[in-house]
Amino acid sequence: MSAMNIVYKYQNSLYINLTNQCTNNCKFCIRYTPSGVDNIDLWLEHEPETQEVINALEDINYKTYNEIIFCGYGEPTMRVGVLTEVAKYIKQNSKLKIRLNTNGHANRIAGRDITPELNGLIDCISISLNAENAEKYNEICECDYGEDGFYEMLDFAKKASRYVPEVVLSVVDVIGTEAIEECRKIAEETGVKFRVREYSE
């Protein structure tokens, strides 16, 4: 495997780490924990290009895993070109399920609607909803786009559901029962699934 953890294993799934960049500066982000993810150092010395990611996948024998997930130290859709090229390679050479974990800012980042480009490549998108309204979202996430980031995320979720079989808005279980129920309603109104994640230190 590459000296950098471009590809890493966590809980029996294989993850792809494309960038350190993110449009959010979330207070609970793994960047602020000394151990990273499961003591895996995810900080990238440089952003890998498509072939470098493919080489890392081949080195770890990616076809032996059940699922591949784009999720790293940064927001994967900051590198949407590499993301789609790598996903295309995986789909052409295997029957693996591909999931994208994202903050939902891809369209704002790219300056265009990228959701049609995910058609046939991404099987599931998990989007961090994090809060029940724009003000609380920005307070938690310290988003580059301010409160607009909340609405950008919901718009992305709605558009992505036209092209991706499963789109999920998720929250962590520490935000309180009332907030969780409000978030559940938001997911229903957006027309996507909802999931409550267990918070892990």
N, C-alpha and C. Protein backbone atom coordinates (compact mmCIF):
# COMPACT_ATOMS: atom_id res chain seq x y z
N MET A 1 0.83 -1.19 0.00
CA MET A 1 0.00 0.00 0.00
C MET A 1 0.88 1.25 0.00
N SER A 2 0.32 2.32 -0.49
CA SER A 2 1.03 3.59 -0.50
C SER A 2 1.40 4.01 0.91
N ALA A 3 2.48 4.79 1.03
CA ALA A 3 2.90 5.30 2.34
C ALA A 3 1.79 6.16 2.94
N MET A 4 1.09 6.90 2.11
CA MET A 4 -0.08 7.65 2.58
C MET A 4 -1.26 6.68 2.62
N ASN A 5 -2.19 6.93 3.54
CA ASN A 5 -3.38 6.08 3.61
C ASN A 5 -4.47 6.60 2.68
N ILE A 6 -4.20 6.43 1.39
CA ILE A 6 -5.20 6.79 0.37
C ILE A 6 -6.37 5.82 0.47
N VAL A 7 -6.05 4.56 0.76
CA VAL A 7 -7.05 3.52 0.93
C VAL A 7 -6.83 2.92 2.32
N TYR A 8 -7.90 2.75 3.07
CA TYR A 8 -7.75 2.16 4.39
C TYR A 8 -8.96 1.31 4.76
N LYS A 9 -8.70 0.32 5.59
CA LYS A 9 -9.75 -0.59 6.04
C LYS A 9 -10.29 -0.13 7.39
N TYR A 10 -11.62 -0.16 7.53
CA TYR A 10 -12.23 0.18 8.81
C TYR A 10 -13.54 -0.59 8.92
N GLN A 11 -13.65 -1.39 9.97
CA GLN A 11 -14.86 -2.19 10.22
C GLN A 11 -15.30 -2.99 9.00
N ASN A 12 -14.37 -3.71 8.42
CA ASN A 12 -14.62 -4.65 7.31
C ASN A 12 -15.05 -4.00 6.00
N SER A 13 -14.93 -2.69 5.90
CA SER A 13 -15.18 -1.99 4.64
C SER A 13 -13.89 -1.31 4.20
N LEU A 14 -13.82 -0.97 2.93
CA LEU A 14 -12.64 -0.31 2.39
C LEU A 14 -12.98 1.14 2.07
N TYR A 15 -12.16 2.04 2.55
CA TYR A 15 -12.41 3.48 2.40
C TYR A 15 -11.37 4.11 1.50
N ILE A 16 -11.81 5.13 0.75
CA ILE A 16 -10.92 5.88 -0.12
C ILE A 16 -10.85 7.32 0.38
N ASN A 17 -9.62 7.79 0.59
CA ASN A 17 -9.33 9.10 1.17
C ASN A 17 -8.71 9.98 0.08
N LEU A 18 -9.45 10.98 -0.42
CA LEU A 18 -9.01 11.75 -1.58
C LEU A 18 -8.42 13.12 -1.26
N THR A 19 -8.75 13.67 -0.10
CA THR A 19 -8.34 15.06 0.14
C THR A 19 -8.36 15.40 1.63
N ASN A 20 -7.59 16.42 2.00
CA ASN A 20 -7.66 16.98 3.35
C ASN A 20 -8.65 18.15 3.41
N GLN A 21 -9.08 18.64 2.26
CA GLN A 21 -9.91 19.83 2.19
C GLN A 21 -11.37 19.56 2.57
N CYS A 22 -12.01 20.56 3.16
CA CYS A 22 -13.43 20.44 3.46
C CYS A 22 -14.05 21.82 3.53
N THR A 23 -15.34 21.90 3.21
CA THR A 23 -16.06 23.17 3.28
C THR A 23 -16.66 23.40 4.67
N ASN A 24 -16.55 22.40 5.53
CA ASN A 24 -17.00 22.54 6.92
C ASN A 24 -15.81 22.44 7.87
N ASN A 25 -16.00 22.97 9.04
CA ASN A 25 -14.99 22.87 10.10
C ASN A 25 -15.70 22.38 11.36
N CYS A 26 -16.29 21.18 11.25
CA CYS A 26 -17.18 20.66 12.29
C CYS A 26 -16.46 20.48 13.63
N LYS A 27 -17.17 20.85 14.68
CA LYS A 27 -16.59 20.79 16.02
C LYS A 27 -16.29 19.36 16.46
N PHE A 28 -17.01 18.39 15.90
CA PHE A 28 -16.82 16.99 16.31
C PHE A 28 -15.94 16.20 15.34
N CYS A 29 -15.31 16.87 14.39
CA CYS A 29 -14.56 16.20 13.33
C CYS A 29 -13.39 15.37 13.88
N ILE A 30 -13.12 14.25 13.22
CA ILE A 30 -12.01 13.38 13.62
C ILE A 30 -10.65 14.06 13.48
N ARG A 31 -10.61 15.16 12.74
CA ARG A 31 -9.35 15.90 12.62
C ARG A 31 -8.83 16.35 13.98
N TYR A 32 -9.77 16.54 14.92
CA TYR A 32 -9.40 17.08 16.23
C TYR A 32 -9.14 16.00 17.27
N THR A 33 -9.12 14.75 16.82
CA THR A 33 -8.77 13.66 17.73
C THR A 33 -7.35 13.20 17.41
N PRO A 34 -6.55 12.92 18.40
CA PRO A 34 -5.15 12.55 18.15
C PRO A 34 -4.97 11.24 17.41
N SER A 35 -5.96 10.35 17.50
CA SER A 35 -5.81 9.02 16.91
C SER A 35 -6.39 8.88 15.51
N GLY A 36 -7.04 9.94 14.98
CA GLY A 36 -7.66 9.83 13.66
C GLY A 36 -8.78 8.82 13.69
N VAL A 37 -8.79 7.89 12.72
CA VAL A 37 -9.78 6.83 12.67
C VAL A 37 -9.10 5.51 13.02
N ASP A 38 -9.49 4.94 14.16
CA ASP A 38 -8.95 3.64 14.55
C ASP A 38 -7.41 3.64 14.51
N ASN A 39 -6.82 4.75 14.95
CA ASN A 39 -5.36 4.94 14.96
C ASN A 39 -4.72 4.94 13.57
N ILE A 40 -5.52 5.25 12.55
CA ILE A 40 -5.01 5.35 11.19
C ILE A 40 -4.79 6.82 10.87
N ASP A 41 -3.60 7.17 10.48
CA ASP A 41 -3.28 8.56 10.12
C ASP A 41 -3.80 8.83 8.71
N LEU A 42 -4.78 9.72 8.61
CA LEU A 42 -5.41 9.98 7.31
C LEU A 42 -4.92 11.26 6.65
N TRP A 43 -3.99 11.96 7.27
CA TRP A 43 -3.51 13.20 6.66
C TRP A 43 -2.71 12.90 5.41
N LEU A 44 -3.09 13.51 4.29
CA LEU A 44 -2.44 13.26 3.00
C LEU A 44 -1.33 14.28 2.74
N GLU A 45 -0.17 13.79 2.33
CA GLU A 45 0.95 14.67 1.99
C GLU A 45 0.67 15.39 0.68
N HIS A 46 -0.09 14.76 -0.19
CA HIS A 46 -0.56 15.39 -1.42
C HIS A 46 -1.86 14.72 -1.83
N GLU A 47 -2.62 15.39 -2.69
CA GLU A 47 -3.89 14.81 -3.15
C GLU A 47 -3.62 13.82 -4.28
N PRO A 48 -4.01 12.57 -4.10
CA PRO A 48 -3.70 11.55 -5.11
C PRO A 48 -4.50 11.72 -6.39
N GLU A 49 -3.86 11.47 -7.52
CA GLU A 49 -4.55 11.47 -8.80
C GLU A 49 -5.19 10.10 -9.03
N THR A 50 -5.97 9.99 -10.08
CA THR A 50 -6.76 8.78 -10.32
C THR A 50 -5.92 7.51 -10.31
N GLN A 51 -4.83 7.48 -11.07
CA GLN A 51 -4.03 6.27 -11.17
C GLN A 51 -3.40 5.88 -9.84
N GLU A 52 -3.03 6.87 -9.05
CA GLU A 52 -2.46 6.59 -7.73
C GLU A 52 -3.49 5.92 -6.82
N VAL A 53 -4.74 6.36 -6.90
CA VAL A 53 -5.81 5.73 -6.12
C VAL A 53 -6.05 4.31 -6.61
N ILE A 54 -6.10 4.14 -7.91
CA ILE A 54 -6.31 2.80 -8.48
C ILE A 54 -5.18 1.86 -8.06
N ASN A 55 -3.96 2.33 -8.10
CA ASN A 55 -2.82 1.50 -7.67
C ASN A 55 -2.95 1.09 -6.22
N ALA A 56 -3.39 2.02 -5.38
CA ALA A 56 -3.57 1.73 -3.95
C ALA A 56 -4.67 0.68 -3.75
N LEU A 57 -5.74 0.78 -4.56
CA LEU A 57 -6.82 -0.21 -4.50
C LEU A 57 -6.32 -1.60 -4.89
N GLU A 58 -5.56 -1.65 -5.95
CA GLU A 58 -5.02 -2.93 -6.42
C GLU A 58 -4.05 -3.53 -5.40
N ASP A 59 -3.25 -2.67 -4.78
CA ASP A 59 -2.27 -3.14 -3.80
C ASP A 59 -2.93 -3.82 -2.60
N ILE A 60 -4.13 -3.35 -2.26
CA ILE A 60 -4.82 -3.90 -1.09
C ILE A 60 -5.83 -4.98 -1.48
N ASN A 61 -5.88 -5.35 -2.76
CA ASN A 61 -6.79 -6.38 -3.27
C ASN A 61 -8.25 -6.02 -2.95
N TYR A 62 -8.68 -4.88 -3.49
CA TYR A 62 -9.98 -4.29 -3.15
C TYR A 62 -11.17 -5.19 -3.45
N LYS A 63 -11.04 -6.12 -4.37
CA LYS A 63 -12.18 -6.96 -4.76
C LYS A 63 -12.60 -7.94 -3.66
N THR A 64 -11.78 -8.08 -2.63
CA THR A 64 -12.11 -8.99 -1.53
C THR A 64 -13.05 -8.35 -0.51
N TYR A 65 -13.34 -7.06 -0.66
CA TYR A 65 -14.22 -6.36 0.26
C TYR A 65 -15.65 -6.32 -0.27
N ASN A 66 -16.60 -6.08 0.61
CA ASN A 66 -18.02 -6.04 0.22
C ASN A 66 -18.47 -4.67 -0.26
N GLU A 67 -17.79 -3.64 0.23
CA GLU A 67 -18.23 -2.28 -0.07
C GLU A 67 -17.03 -1.34 -0.08
N ILE A 68 -17.08 -0.36 -0.96
CA ILE A 68 -16.04 0.67 -0.99
C ILE A 68 -16.71 2.02 -0.71
N ILE A 69 -16.09 2.79 0.17
CA ILE A 69 -16.68 4.04 0.62
C ILE A 69 -15.72 5.20 0.40
N PHE A 70 -16.19 6.23 -0.28
CA PHE A 70 -15.41 7.47 -0.40
C PHE A 70 -15.66 8.27 0.87
N CYS A 71 -14.65 8.37 1.71
CA CYS A 71 -14.76 9.08 2.97
C CYS A 71 -13.37 9.23 3.56
N GLY A 72 -12.92 10.46 3.74
CA GLY A 72 -11.58 10.63 4.27
C GLY A 72 -11.49 11.74 5.28
N TYR A 73 -10.31 12.29 5.39
CA TYR A 73 -10.12 13.40 6.30
C TYR A 73 -10.87 14.63 5.81
N GLY A 74 -11.02 14.73 4.50
CA GLY A 74 -11.71 15.86 3.90
C GLY A 74 -12.98 15.43 3.19
N GLU A 75 -13.59 16.37 2.48
CA GLU A 75 -14.84 16.14 1.75
C GLU A 75 -14.51 15.54 0.38
N PRO A 76 -14.93 14.29 0.12
CA PRO A 76 -14.56 13.61 -1.14
C PRO A 76 -14.94 14.36 -2.40
N THR A 77 -16.07 15.09 -2.37
CA THR A 77 -16.52 15.76 -3.60
C THR A 77 -15.73 17.02 -3.91
N MET A 78 -14.76 17.37 -3.07
CA MET A 78 -13.81 18.42 -3.44
C MET A 78 -12.99 17.95 -4.64
N ARG A 79 -12.95 16.62 -4.85
CA ARG A 79 -12.19 16.02 -5.95
C ARG A 79 -13.13 15.17 -6.81
N VAL A 80 -14.23 15.76 -7.23
CA VAL A 80 -15.28 14.98 -7.88
C VAL A 80 -14.82 14.31 -9.17
N GLY A 81 -13.87 14.92 -9.89
CA GLY A 81 -13.36 14.31 -11.11
C GLY A 81 -12.65 13.00 -10.83
N VAL A 82 -11.75 13.00 -9.86
CA VAL A 82 -11.04 11.78 -9.47
C VAL A 82 -12.03 10.77 -8.89
N LEU A 83 -12.96 11.25 -8.08
CA LEU A 83 -13.96 10.37 -7.47
C LEU A 83 -14.73 9.58 -8.53
N THR A 84 -15.24 10.27 -9.54
CA THR A 84 -16.04 9.58 -10.56
C THR A 84 -15.17 8.67 -11.43
N GLU A 85 -13.94 9.07 -11.70
CA GLU A 85 -13.04 8.22 -12.50
C GLU A 85 -12.70 6.93 -11.76
N VAL A 86 -12.43 7.05 -10.47
CA VAL A 86 -12.11 5.86 -9.66
C VAL A 86 -13.35 4.97 -9.53
N ALA A 87 -14.51 5.58 -9.29
CA ALA A 87 -15.75 4.81 -9.19
C ALA A 87 -16.04 4.05 -10.48
N LYS A 88 -15.78 4.70 -11.60
CA LYS A 88 -15.98 4.07 -12.91
C LYS A 88 -15.07 2.85 -13.07
N TYR A 89 -13.82 2.99 -12.63
CA TYR A 89 -12.86 1.88 -12.70
C TYR A 89 -13.35 0.70 -11.84
N ILE A 90 -13.81 1.00 -10.64
CA ILE A 90 -14.30 -0.05 -9.73
C ILE A 90 -15.49 -0.76 -10.35
N LYS A 91 -16.43 0.00 -10.90
CA LYS A 91 -17.63 -0.59 -11.49
C LYS A 91 -17.32 -1.42 -12.73
N GLN A 92 -16.33 -0.99 -13.49
CA GLN A 92 -15.96 -1.73 -14.70
C GLN A 92 -15.25 -3.04 -14.38
N ASN A 93 -14.68 -3.12 -13.18
CA ASN A 93 -13.86 -4.28 -12.83
C ASN A 93 -14.39 -5.12 -11.68
N SER A 94 -15.55 -4.76 -11.15
CA SER A 94 -16.11 -5.52 -10.03
C SER A 94 -17.61 -5.25 -9.92
N LYS A 95 -18.24 -5.97 -9.00
CA LYS A 95 -19.66 -5.74 -8.72
C LYS A 95 -19.85 -5.14 -7.33
N LEU A 96 -18.82 -4.49 -6.84
CA LEU A 96 -18.85 -3.94 -5.49
C LEU A 96 -19.81 -2.76 -5.37
N LYS A 97 -20.42 -2.66 -4.21
CA LYS A 97 -21.27 -1.51 -3.89
C LYS A 97 -20.36 -0.34 -3.53
N ILE A 98 -20.70 0.85 -4.01
CA ILE A 98 -19.92 2.06 -3.72
C ILE A 98 -20.80 3.07 -2.98
N ARG A 99 -20.28 3.53 -1.84
CA ARG A 99 -21.00 4.54 -1.05
C ARG A 99 -20.17 5.81 -0.98
N LEU A 100 -20.85 6.94 -0.97
CA LEU A 100 -20.22 8.24 -0.80
C LEU A 100 -20.70 8.84 0.50
N ASN A 101 -19.76 9.12 1.41
CA ASN A 101 -20.08 9.87 2.64
C ASN A 101 -19.70 11.33 2.39
N THR A 102 -20.66 12.22 2.55
CA THR A 102 -20.45 13.60 2.12
C THR A 102 -21.17 14.61 3.00
N ASN A 103 -20.75 15.87 2.91
CA ASN A 103 -21.48 16.94 3.61
C ASN A 103 -22.55 17.55 2.70
N GLY A 104 -22.62 17.10 1.44
CA GLY A 104 -23.68 17.55 0.55
C GLY A 104 -23.45 18.88 -0.13
N HIS A 105 -22.21 19.35 -0.14
CA HIS A 105 -21.91 20.66 -0.75
C HIS A 105 -21.34 20.54 -2.17
N ALA A 106 -21.40 19.35 -2.74
CA ALA A 106 -20.74 19.09 -4.03
C ALA A 106 -21.14 20.07 -5.13
N ASN A 107 -22.42 20.37 -5.24
CA ASN A 107 -22.86 21.26 -6.32
C ASN A 107 -22.34 22.68 -6.14
N ARG A 108 -22.30 23.13 -4.92
CA ARG A 108 -21.77 24.47 -4.63
C ARG A 108 -20.26 24.49 -4.90
N ILE A 109 -19.58 23.44 -4.51
CA ILE A 109 -18.13 23.35 -4.73
C ILE A 109 -17.81 23.38 -6.22
N ALA A 110 -18.55 22.59 -6.99
CA ALA A 110 -18.27 22.45 -8.42
C ALA A 110 -18.83 23.60 -9.25
N GLY A 111 -19.80 24.31 -8.71
CA GLY A 111 -20.44 25.38 -9.47
C GLY A 111 -21.40 24.85 -10.53
N ARG A 112 -21.82 23.60 -10.34
CA ARG A 112 -22.78 22.97 -11.27
C ARG A 112 -23.44 21.80 -10.54
N ASP A 113 -24.50 21.27 -11.13
CA ASP A 113 -25.15 20.10 -10.56
C ASP A 113 -24.37 18.86 -10.99
N ILE A 114 -23.67 18.23 -10.05
CA ILE A 114 -22.85 17.05 -10.40
C ILE A 114 -23.62 15.74 -10.23
N THR A 115 -24.86 15.81 -9.72
CA THR A 115 -25.57 14.57 -9.40
C THR A 115 -25.78 13.63 -10.60
N PRO A 116 -26.02 14.15 -11.83
CA PRO A 116 -26.15 13.21 -12.95
C PRO A 116 -24.87 12.41 -13.20
N GLU A 117 -23.72 12.97 -12.83
CA GLU A 117 -22.44 12.29 -13.03
C GLU A 117 -22.26 11.09 -12.12
N LEU A 118 -23.11 10.98 -11.10
CA LEU A 118 -23.03 9.87 -10.14
C LEU A 118 -23.88 8.68 -10.57
N ASN A 119 -24.70 8.88 -11.60
CA ASN A 119 -25.61 7.85 -12.08
C ASN A 119 -24.84 6.61 -12.53
N GLY A 120 -25.18 5.45 -11.95
CA GLY A 120 -24.54 4.19 -12.32
C GLY A 120 -23.20 3.96 -11.66
N LEU A 121 -22.71 4.95 -10.93
CA LEU A 121 -21.41 4.82 -10.27
C LEU A 121 -21.53 4.71 -8.75
N ILE A 122 -22.42 5.49 -8.16
CA ILE A 122 -22.59 5.50 -6.71
C ILE A 122 -23.91 4.82 -6.36
N ASP A 123 -23.85 3.85 -5.44
CA ASP A 123 -25.05 3.10 -5.05
C ASP A 123 -25.75 3.71 -3.85
N CYS A 124 -24.99 4.40 -3.01
CA CYS A 124 -25.56 4.99 -1.81
C CYS A 124 -24.81 6.28 -1.47
N ILE A 125 -25.56 7.30 -1.07
CA ILE A 125 -24.95 8.53 -0.57
C ILE A 125 -25.43 8.75 0.85
N SER A 126 -24.50 8.91 1.78
CA SER A 126 -24.83 9.25 3.15
C SER A 126 -24.40 10.69 3.41
N ILE A 127 -25.38 11.53 3.73
CA ILE A 127 -25.14 12.97 3.89
C ILE A 127 -25.33 13.35 5.36
N SER A 128 -24.35 14.05 5.91
CA SER A 128 -24.43 14.47 7.31
C SER A 128 -25.34 15.68 7.47
N LEU A 129 -26.53 15.44 8.02
CA LEU A 129 -27.48 16.53 8.24
C LEU A 129 -27.07 17.37 9.46
N ASN A 130 -26.70 16.68 10.52
CA ASN A 130 -26.10 17.29 11.73
C ASN A 130 -27.01 18.14 12.61
N ALA A 131 -27.97 18.84 12.04
CA ALA A 131 -28.82 19.72 12.85
C ALA A 131 -30.16 19.93 12.16
N GLU A 132 -31.14 20.45 12.95
CA GLU A 132 -32.50 20.57 12.45
C GLU A 132 -32.82 21.89 11.77
N ASN A 133 -31.86 22.82 11.78
CA ASN A 133 -32.08 24.08 11.06
C ASN A 133 -30.75 24.70 10.66
N ALA A 134 -30.82 25.71 9.82
CA ALA A 134 -29.61 26.31 9.24
C ALA A 134 -28.72 26.96 10.29
N GLU A 135 -29.34 27.61 11.25
CA GLU A 135 -28.56 28.31 12.27
C GLU A 135 -27.74 27.33 13.11
N LYS A 136 -28.39 26.27 13.57
CA LYS A 136 -27.68 25.27 14.38
C LYS A 136 -26.64 24.53 13.55
N TYR A 137 -26.98 24.27 12.30
CA TYR A 137 -26.05 23.60 11.39
C TYR A 137 -24.74 24.39 11.28
N ASN A 138 -24.87 25.68 11.04
CA ASN A 138 -23.68 26.51 10.88
C ASN A 138 -22.91 26.66 12.19
N GLU A 139 -23.63 26.65 13.28
CA GLU A 139 -22.98 26.73 14.59
C GLU A 139 -22.11 25.50 14.84
N ILE A 140 -22.63 24.34 14.46
CA ILE A 140 -21.90 23.08 14.64
C ILE A 140 -20.79 22.91 13.61
N CYS A 141 -21.11 23.24 12.35
CA CYS A 141 -20.22 22.92 11.23
C CYS A 141 -19.27 24.05 10.83
N GLU A 142 -19.57 25.28 11.25
CA GLU A 142 -18.75 26.43 10.86
C GLU A 142 -18.46 26.37 9.35
N CYS A 143 -19.54 26.37 8.59
CA CYS A 143 -19.49 26.14 7.14
C CYS A 143 -18.92 27.34 6.38
N ASP A 144 -18.14 27.05 5.35
CA ASP A 144 -17.61 28.10 4.48
C ASP A 144 -18.72 28.93 3.85
N TYR A 145 -19.90 28.34 3.69
CA TYR A 145 -21.02 29.01 3.03
C TYR A 145 -22.03 29.57 4.04
N GLY A 146 -21.66 29.55 5.31
CA GLY A 146 -22.57 30.03 6.33
C GLY A 146 -23.82 29.17 6.39
N GLU A 147 -24.95 29.81 6.71
CA GLU A 147 -26.20 29.06 6.81
C GLU A 147 -26.67 28.52 5.47
N ASP A 148 -26.18 29.10 4.37
CA ASP A 148 -26.53 28.59 3.04
C ASP A 148 -26.12 27.14 2.87
N GLY A 149 -25.07 26.73 3.59
CA GLY A 149 -24.60 25.35 3.47
C GLY A 149 -25.67 24.33 3.81
N PHE A 150 -26.55 24.68 4.74
CA PHE A 150 -27.65 23.79 5.15
C PHE A 150 -28.60 23.56 3.97
N TYR A 151 -28.96 24.64 3.31
CA TYR A 151 -29.90 24.54 2.18
C TYR A 151 -29.24 23.91 0.95
N GLU A 152 -27.97 24.17 0.76
CA GLU A 152 -27.22 23.53 -0.34
C GLU A 152 -27.25 22.01 -0.15
N MET A 153 -27.05 21.57 1.09
CA MET A 153 -27.03 20.15 1.40
C MET A 153 -28.36 19.48 1.08
N LEU A 154 -29.45 20.13 1.50
CA LEU A 154 -30.78 19.55 1.26
C LEU A 154 -31.12 19.52 -0.23
N ASP A 155 -30.72 20.55 -0.93
CA ASP A 155 -30.94 20.59 -2.38
C ASP A 155 -30.15 19.48 -3.07
N PHE A 156 -28.92 19.27 -2.62
CA PHE A 156 -28.10 18.19 -3.18
C PHE A 156 -28.75 16.83 -2.92
N ALA A 157 -29.25 16.63 -1.72
CA ALA A 157 -29.89 15.36 -1.38
C ALA A 157 -31.08 15.08 -2.30
N LYS A 158 -31.89 16.10 -2.51
CA LYS A 158 -33.08 15.95 -3.36
C LYS A 158 -32.69 15.63 -4.80
N LYS A 159 -31.70 16.35 -5.32
CA LYS A 159 -31.26 16.11 -6.70
C LYS A 159 -30.56 14.76 -6.86
N ALA A 160 -29.76 14.39 -5.86
CA ALA A 160 -29.04 13.12 -5.93
C ALA A 160 -29.99 11.93 -5.95
N SER A 161 -31.14 12.06 -5.29
CA SER A 161 -32.10 10.95 -5.21
C SER A 161 -32.67 10.58 -6.58
N ARG A 162 -32.50 11.45 -7.57
CA ARG A 162 -32.97 11.15 -8.93
C ARG A 162 -32.02 10.17 -9.63
N TYR A 163 -30.78 10.11 -9.18
CA TYR A 163 -29.76 9.34 -9.89
C TYR A 163 -29.11 8.23 -9.06
N VAL A 164 -29.21 8.32 -7.76
CA VAL A 164 -28.56 7.35 -6.87
C VAL A 164 -29.64 6.55 -6.15
N PRO A 165 -29.55 5.19 -6.17
CA PRO A 165 -30.61 4.36 -5.61
C PRO A 165 -30.95 4.63 -4.15
N GLU A 166 -29.95 4.95 -3.34
CA GLU A 166 -30.20 5.17 -1.91
C GLU A 166 -29.50 6.45 -1.45
N VAL A 167 -30.28 7.39 -0.95
CA VAL A 167 -29.74 8.63 -0.39
C VAL A 167 -30.24 8.73 1.05
N VAL A 168 -29.32 8.98 1.96
CA VAL A 168 -29.64 8.98 3.39
C VAL A 168 -29.15 10.28 4.03
N LEU A 169 -30.02 10.93 4.80
CA LEU A 169 -29.61 12.04 5.66
C LEU A 169 -29.39 11.46 7.05
N SER A 170 -28.26 11.77 7.68
CA SER A 170 -27.97 11.17 8.97
C SER A 170 -27.64 12.22 10.03
N VAL A 171 -27.88 11.85 11.28
CA VAL A 171 -27.51 12.67 12.43
C VAL A 171 -26.88 11.76 13.49
N VAL A 172 -26.15 12.36 14.42
CA VAL A 172 -25.63 11.58 15.54
C VAL A 172 -26.63 11.59 16.69
N ASP A 173 -26.58 10.57 17.53
CA ASP A 173 -27.61 10.37 18.55
C ASP A 173 -27.52 11.33 19.74
N VAL A 174 -26.54 12.22 19.74
CA VAL A 174 -26.35 13.10 20.90
C VAL A 174 -27.10 14.44 20.78
N ILE A 175 -27.81 14.65 19.69
CA ILE A 175 -28.45 15.97 19.49
C ILE A 175 -29.79 16.10 20.22
N GLY A 176 -30.28 15.02 20.80
CA GLY A 176 -31.53 15.08 21.57
C GLY A 176 -32.72 14.55 20.78
N THR A 177 -33.68 13.98 21.50
CA THR A 177 -34.84 13.33 20.88
C THR A 177 -35.66 14.29 20.01
N GLU A 178 -35.91 15.49 20.52
CA GLU A 178 -36.72 16.46 19.78
C GLU A 178 -36.05 16.86 18.47
N ALA A 179 -34.74 17.13 18.52
CA ALA A 179 -34.00 17.51 17.32
C ALA A 179 -33.96 16.35 16.32
N ILE A 180 -33.81 15.14 16.83
CA ILE A 180 -33.79 13.95 15.96
C ILE A 180 -35.10 13.83 15.20
N GLU A 181 -36.21 14.03 15.88
CA GLU A 181 -37.52 13.93 15.23
C GLU A 181 -37.72 15.03 14.19
N GLU A 182 -37.23 16.23 14.48
CA GLU A 182 -37.31 17.31 13.49
C GLU A 182 -36.48 16.97 12.26
N CYS A 183 -35.32 16.37 12.49
CA CYS A 183 -34.45 15.97 11.37
C CYS A 183 -35.10 14.85 10.55
N ARG A 184 -35.79 13.96 11.24
CA ARG A 184 -36.50 12.87 10.55
C ARG A 184 -37.54 13.46 9.59
N LYS A 185 -38.25 14.49 10.04
CA LYS A 185 -39.25 15.14 9.21
C LYS A 185 -38.60 15.81 7.99
N ILE A 186 -37.44 16.41 8.20
CA ILE A 186 -36.71 17.04 7.09
C ILE A 186 -36.37 16.00 6.03
N ALA A 187 -35.90 14.83 6.47
CA ALA A 187 -35.56 13.76 5.53
C ALA A 187 -36.79 13.31 4.75
N GLU A 188 -37.90 13.17 5.45
CA GLU A 188 -39.15 12.76 4.80
C GLU A 188 -39.59 13.79 3.75
N GLU A 189 -39.50 15.06 4.13
CA GLU A 189 -39.88 16.14 3.21
C GLU A 189 -38.94 16.21 2.01
N THR A 190 -37.69 15.85 2.21
CA THR A 190 -36.70 15.86 1.13
C THR A 190 -36.86 14.65 0.23
N GLY A 191 -37.53 13.62 0.74
CA GLY A 191 -37.78 12.41 -0.05
C GLY A 191 -36.64 11.40 0.00
N VAL A 192 -35.88 11.41 1.11
CA VAL A 192 -34.76 10.48 1.26
C VAL A 192 -34.88 9.74 2.59
N LYS A 193 -34.00 8.76 2.79
CA LYS A 193 -34.01 7.97 4.02
C LYS A 193 -33.37 8.77 5.16
N PHE A 194 -33.56 8.24 6.38
CA PHE A 194 -33.02 8.90 7.57
C PHE A 194 -32.34 7.86 8.45
N ARG A 195 -31.20 8.25 9.01
CA ARG A 195 -30.48 7.33 9.90
C ARG A 195 -29.90 8.10 11.08
N VAL A 196 -30.00 7.50 12.25
CA VAL A 196 -29.39 8.04 13.46
C VAL A 196 -28.12 7.25 13.73
N ARG A 197 -26.98 7.94 13.73
CA ARG A 197 -25.69 7.29 13.95
C ARG A 197 -25.29 7.39 15.41
N GLU A 198 -24.60 6.37 15.89
CA GLU A 198 -24.08 6.39 17.26
C GLU A 198 -22.82 7.25 17.29
N TYR A 199 -22.75 8.17 18.21
CA TYR A 199 -21.58 9.04 18.32
C TYR A 199 -20.42 8.23 18.88
N SER A 200 -19.25 8.36 18.24
CA SER A 200 -18.06 7.67 18.76
C SER A 200 -16.97 8.68 18.98
N GLU A 201 -16.27 8.55 20.09
CA GLU A 201 -15.19 9.49 20.44
C GLU A 201 -14.04 9.37 19.45
